[in-house]
Protein backbone atom coordinates (compact mmCIF):
# COMPACT_ATOMS: atom_id res chain seq x y z
CA MET A 1 149.24 -136.82 18.93
CA PRO A 2 147.50 -134.62 21.58
CA VAL A 3 148.46 -131.03 21.77
CA SER A 4 150.79 -130.28 25.08
CA ASN A 5 149.93 -127.95 28.16
CA LEU A 6 152.52 -125.64 26.64
CA ALA A 7 151.01 -125.05 23.43
CA ILE A 8 147.49 -124.59 24.53
CA GLU A 9 149.18 -121.64 27.14
CA SER A 10 150.67 -120.22 23.80
CA ALA A 11 147.41 -120.62 21.73
CA LEU A 12 144.85 -118.65 24.59
CA LYS A 13 148.28 -116.28 25.33
CA ARG A 14 148.12 -115.01 21.49
CA TYR A 15 143.88 -114.95 21.63
CA TRP A 16 143.82 -112.71 24.69
CA THR A 17 146.13 -110.05 23.76
CA SER A 18 144.49 -109.86 20.51
CA ASN A 19 141.00 -109.38 22.09
CA THR A 20 140.07 -106.73 24.17
CA TYR A 21 137.07 -107.92 25.69
CA ASP A 22 135.90 -110.42 28.39
CA VAL A 23 135.11 -113.89 26.82
CA MET A 24 135.08 -116.91 28.27
CA ILE A 25 136.95 -120.43 27.77
CA VAL A 26 134.53 -123.63 27.38
CA ASN A 27 135.73 -126.53 28.43
CA ALA A 28 133.91 -129.62 26.40
CA PHE A 29 133.95 -133.24 26.90
CA GLN A 30 132.98 -135.97 23.91
CA ILE A 31 132.74 -139.32 25.71
CA GLU A 32 132.29 -142.29 23.22
CA HIS A 33 132.00 -146.19 24.04
CA PRO A 34 130.18 -147.99 21.82
CA ASP A 35 127.07 -148.64 24.60
CA PHE A 36 126.98 -145.05 24.48
CA VAL A 37 126.69 -144.08 20.94
CA ALA A 38 123.82 -146.91 20.57
CA GLU A 39 122.06 -144.77 23.02
CA GLN A 40 122.96 -140.99 21.84
CA GLY A 41 123.93 -141.49 18.65
CA ALA A 42 127.08 -140.91 16.82
CA ASN A 43 128.84 -138.50 19.12
CA GLY A 44 128.59 -140.26 22.06
CA TYR A 45 127.79 -138.30 25.18
CA LEU A 46 128.63 -134.40 24.86
CA LEU A 47 129.05 -131.98 27.81
CA CYS A 48 130.30 -128.76 29.00
CA ASP A 49 131.39 -126.58 31.54
CA TYR A 50 129.65 -123.17 30.40
CA GLY A 51 126.84 -122.90 32.52
CA LYS A 52 123.99 -123.10 29.93
CA ASP A 53 124.18 -125.85 26.71
CA PHE A 54 126.62 -124.55 23.76
CA TYR A 55 126.51 -125.26 20.46
CA ALA A 56 129.72 -125.28 18.54
CA ARG A 57 131.14 -127.13 15.68
CA LEU A 58 133.34 -130.59 16.42
CA LYS A 59 135.67 -129.70 13.47
CA SER A 60 136.08 -126.13 11.88
CA THR A 61 135.41 -127.79 8.37
CA ASP A 62 131.90 -129.05 9.74
CA SER A 63 129.00 -127.04 8.44
CA SER A 64 126.41 -127.87 11.26
CA THR A 65 126.90 -127.31 15.00
CA VAL A 66 125.82 -130.22 17.93
CA PRO A 67 124.76 -129.68 21.68
CA PHE A 68 127.24 -129.99 24.42
CA LEU A 69 124.83 -130.07 27.34
CA ALA A 70 125.95 -127.95 30.48
CA THR A 71 126.80 -129.63 33.44
CA SER A 72 129.49 -129.27 36.32
CA LEU A 73 132.91 -129.93 35.49
CA ASP A 74 136.33 -130.44 37.23
CA LEU A 75 139.43 -131.01 35.07
CA LYS A 76 142.61 -131.46 37.18
CA ALA A 77 146.29 -132.76 36.27
CA SER A 78 146.59 -135.86 38.00
CA GLN A 79 149.17 -136.51 40.64
CA ILE A 80 151.70 -138.88 38.82
CA GLU A 81 154.76 -137.14 37.73
CA ASN A 82 156.76 -139.95 36.04
CA SER A 83 155.27 -140.32 33.09
CA THR A 84 155.35 -139.28 29.89
CA ASN A 85 151.51 -139.59 28.97
CA THR A 86 149.40 -136.74 29.53
CA ARG A 87 146.99 -137.57 32.75
CA LEU A 88 143.69 -135.65 34.11
CA VAL A 89 141.23 -136.25 36.70
CA LEU A 90 137.75 -135.31 35.35
CA THR A 91 134.96 -134.98 37.95
CA ILE A 92 131.69 -134.91 36.66
CA SER A 93 128.60 -133.84 38.79
CA SER A 94 125.91 -136.60 39.14
CA ILE A 95 123.40 -134.35 39.26
CA ASN A 96 121.54 -134.51 36.06
CA GLY A 97 122.89 -138.39 36.49
CA ILE A 98 123.59 -138.97 32.63
CA VAL A 99 127.20 -140.09 32.91
CA TYR A 100 126.31 -141.69 36.63
CA THR A 101 123.83 -144.01 34.85
CA LEU A 102 125.65 -145.22 31.80
CA LEU A 103 128.53 -146.13 34.11
CA ARG A 104 126.45 -148.14 36.46
CA LYS A 105 124.74 -149.87 33.57
CA MET A 106 127.62 -151.33 32.30
CA ASN A 107 128.84 -154.71 33.15
CA ALA A 108 132.32 -157.00 32.74
CA GLN A 109 131.51 -157.37 28.98
CA ASP A 110 130.99 -153.68 28.20
CA ARG A 111 134.25 -152.77 30.18
CA LYS A 112 136.49 -154.86 28.00
CA THR A 113 135.98 -152.25 25.64
CA PRO A 114 137.95 -148.76 26.78
CA ILE A 115 135.80 -145.63 27.29
CA SER A 116 136.94 -142.69 25.47
CA VAL A 117 136.98 -138.74 25.88
CA THR A 118 137.78 -136.23 23.94
CA HIS A 119 138.37 -132.78 25.34
CA ARG A 120 137.87 -129.64 22.82
CA ILE A 121 137.93 -126.21 24.30
CA TYR A 122 136.26 -123.79 23.01
CA ILE A 123 136.03 -119.52 23.50
CA ASP A 124 132.45 -118.85 23.87
CA ASP A 125 132.19 -116.37 21.55
CA ASP A 126 133.45 -118.42 18.57
CA ILE A 127 131.68 -122.20 17.32
CA ASN A 128 135.04 -123.27 16.17
CA PRO A 129 137.32 -125.32 18.33
CA LYS A 130 140.26 -123.74 19.33
CA ILE A 131 142.89 -127.05 18.49
CA GLU A 132 142.71 -129.19 16.08
CA PRO A 133 143.10 -131.99 16.67
CA PRO A 134 141.46 -132.34 19.79
CA THR A 135 143.23 -134.03 22.79
CA LYS A 136 141.73 -137.65 22.97
CA PHE A 137 142.05 -139.77 26.31
CA VAL A 138 141.10 -143.12 27.28
CA VAL A 139 139.96 -143.53 30.85
CA LEU A 140 142.04 -145.75 33.05
CA ASP A 141 139.70 -146.05 36.03
CA ALA A 142 136.35 -144.20 36.97
CA THR A 143 134.86 -144.22 40.57
CA VAL A 144 130.98 -143.37 40.91
CA GLY A 145 129.46 -141.71 43.62
CA LEU A 146 126.49 -140.27 45.13
CA THR A 147 127.04 -136.75 43.92
CA SER A 148 130.45 -137.18 41.18
CA VAL A 149 132.22 -139.09 38.82
CA THR A 150 135.68 -139.12 38.98
CA MET A 151 137.74 -140.65 35.74
CA ASN A 152 141.31 -140.70 35.65
CA LEU A 153 142.20 -140.00 32.07
CA SER A 154 145.48 -140.77 29.65
CA SER A 155 146.38 -139.77 26.50
CA PHE A 156 148.94 -142.77 25.55
CA ASN A 157 151.20 -139.91 24.45
CA MET A 158 154.66 -141.84 24.10
CA PRO A 159 157.02 -138.63 22.50
CA ASN A 160 160.27 -140.27 23.48
CA ARG A 161 159.22 -143.89 21.74
CA ARG A 162 161.78 -143.28 19.12
CA ALA A 163 164.75 -142.57 21.46
CA GLY A 164 167.62 -145.12 21.62
CA GLU A 165 169.04 -147.88 20.24
CA TYR A 166 167.50 -150.77 18.89
CA TYR A 167 170.28 -153.88 20.14
CA THR A 168 170.04 -156.50 17.14
CA THR A 169 172.29 -159.14 16.63
CA ASP A 170 172.57 -157.85 13.10
CA ARG A 171 174.13 -154.90 14.36
CA PHE A 172 175.59 -156.36 17.75
CA PRO A 173 176.74 -160.01 16.96
CA SER A 174 178.16 -160.39 20.40
CA LEU A 175 175.20 -160.81 21.77
CA LEU A 176 174.99 -164.22 20.22
CA LEU A 177 177.66 -164.70 22.68
């Protein structure tokens, strides 16, 4: 289940108040699809907004670090307000051409399997993720331009799926009339 924005803000406030020195938040993204894994390896493509390549653990329990490739990223909340899903808009620069090339190479058969994006938050002086489990998203659609790739992401988090009652004929026999 994805972590809410309130939980992220609360965790970051606790971190900021406990430290008096300057640190930078690193947004890291793991972009996965069966075709990407075939080209890049088991972790798919790892990107971050740090300004230089960032080495970090995917989980706190991992012993080894993986490289997140530095690229220009922009993360915004989606304009859709009436939804129980967490929706974000991720814009990635096409300067290095990684995501641009991957999306352009996909054919109709490849598009049947959705692209997943995992968002992790790090602090630049700590290689462990700040929120576990990380937030996982599915790419709803992507726009490929000359200078950037824009992806609309959804977490498909349905927090109210158990609210209400199931109307069955066992509980409400008058439904048969």
